[in-house]
Protein backbone atom coordinates (compact mmCIF):
# COMPACT_ATOMS: atom_id res chain seq x y z
CA MET A 1 -11.91 18.60 -11.03
CA LEU A 2 -8.86 18.76 -9.62
CA GLU A 3 -5.88 15.91 -10.57
CA ILE A 4 -2.06 14.90 -10.50
CA ALA A 5 -0.96 14.54 -14.21
CA HIS A 6 2.70 13.90 -13.13
CA ALA A 7 4.71 12.56 -10.00
CA GLU A 8 8.47 11.50 -8.93
CA TYR A 9 9.86 10.88 -5.93
CA MET A 10 12.81 13.43 -4.65
CA ASP A 11 14.03 12.20 -1.19
CA ASN A 12 13.99 12.69 2.17
CA HIS A 13 9.59 12.19 2.06
CA HIS A 14 9.17 14.95 -0.87
CA ILE A 15 6.98 14.00 -3.99
CA LYS A 16 6.90 16.58 -7.06
CA LEU A 17 3.52 17.04 -8.09
CA THR A 18 2.35 18.24 -11.96
CA PHE A 19 -1.77 19.16 -11.62
CA ASN A 20 -4.51 19.75 -14.37
CA ASP A 21 -4.12 22.64 -13.85
CA GLY A 22 -0.24 23.14 -14.65
CA LYS A 23 1.19 24.04 -11.79
CA SER A 24 3.78 22.28 -10.24
CA GLY A 25 6.01 22.04 -6.92
CA ILE A 26 7.29 19.26 -4.16
CA ALA A 27 5.13 18.41 -1.78
CA ASP A 28 6.71 17.93 1.67
CA VAL A 29 4.67 14.29 2.54
CA ASN A 30 6.17 14.15 6.35
CA GLU A 31 3.50 16.74 8.08
CA MET A 32 0.63 14.57 6.42
CA ILE A 33 2.24 11.13 7.71
CA GLN A 34 3.23 12.88 10.97
CA SER A 35 -0.08 14.30 11.31
CA GLN A 36 -2.05 10.96 11.06
CA PRO A 37 -2.25 8.02 13.27
CA GLN A 38 -3.78 5.68 11.15
CA LYS A 39 -0.82 2.65 10.51
CA LEU A 40 -1.88 3.26 6.56
CA PHE A 41 -0.28 6.54 7.00
CA SER A 42 2.57 5.46 9.54
CA ALA A 43 3.77 3.11 7.21
CA LEU A 44 5.00 5.81 4.64
CA ALA A 45 7.08 6.91 7.19
CA ASP A 46 9.56 4.05 6.03
CA GLU A 47 10.87 6.07 2.51
CA ARG A 48 11.09 2.63 1.11
CA VAL A 49 6.76 2.10 1.42
CA LEU A 50 6.73 6.16 0.37
CA LYS A 51 7.70 5.45 -2.71
CA GLN A 52 5.73 3.01 -4.03
CA PHE A 53 3.05 5.07 -5.00
CA THR A 54 1.31 4.45 -8.64
CA LEU A 55 -0.77 7.16 -9.84
CA ALA A 56 -4.46 6.35 -10.09
CA HIS A 57 -7.86 7.72 -10.63
CA GLY A 58 -5.94 11.37 -10.58
CA THR A 59 -3.75 10.52 -7.06
CA LEU A 60 -1.35 8.68 -4.87
CA CYS A 61 -1.90 5.11 -4.42
CA TRP A 62 -0.19 2.90 -2.65
CA PRO A 63 -0.28 -1.12 -2.25
CA ASN A 64 -1.18 -0.87 1.49
CA GLY A 65 -5.07 0.49 0.30
CA LEU A 66 -3.96 4.30 0.55
CA ASP A 67 -5.14 7.20 -1.59
CA VAL A 68 -4.48 10.40 -1.13
CA ALA A 69 -6.88 13.49 -2.39
CA PRO A 70 -5.47 15.43 -4.16
CA GLU A 71 -6.84 18.48 -3.04
CA TYR A 72 -4.69 17.36 0.15
CA LEU A 73 -1.80 17.24 -1.81
CA TYR A 74 -1.93 20.04 -3.74
CA TYR A 75 -2.20 22.04 0.16
CA LEU A 76 0.75 20.04 1.24
CA THR A 77 3.33 21.40 -2.45
CA PHE A 78 1.29 25.06 -2.13
CA LYS A 79 0.06 26.15 1.32
CA HIS A 80 2.60 28.84 1.45
CA ASP A 81 1.53 30.71 -2.07
CA PRO A 82 -1.07 34.13 -0.37
CA ASN A 83 -2.50 33.80 -3.75
CA LEU A 84 -3.97 30.22 -2.51
CA VAL A 85 -4.95 31.43 0.70
CA SER A 86 -8.65 31.52 -0.23
CA LEU A 87 -9.30 28.01 -1.79
CA PHE A 88 -7.16 26.17 0.98
CA LYS A 89 -9.50 28.07 3.57
CA GLN A 90 -12.65 27.09 1.37
CA TRP A 91 -10.83 23.24 1.19
CA ALA A 92 -11.06 23.91 5.11
CA TYR A 93 -6.92 23.20 5.77
CA VAL A 94 -6.49 25.96 6.85
């Protein structure tokens, strides 16, 4: 089961993520915020709110009740890796 092992806010809606498979990289969460019209996601446009994440149960969680699937954050982090395209297709992200 994929989980986030470590997360660190960088800047400009970028979060450095390390996953339990040993891979780490930087996720640009702007795409997630802009593609989800729900208020829970739009609140993250405010960088002060975005920085309030905690790492719980292997994923990122925010005080407003939002948590995001680690698979989606993995996709955001590594979506340009051609070696992972088949995995992202399996997860229906591409």
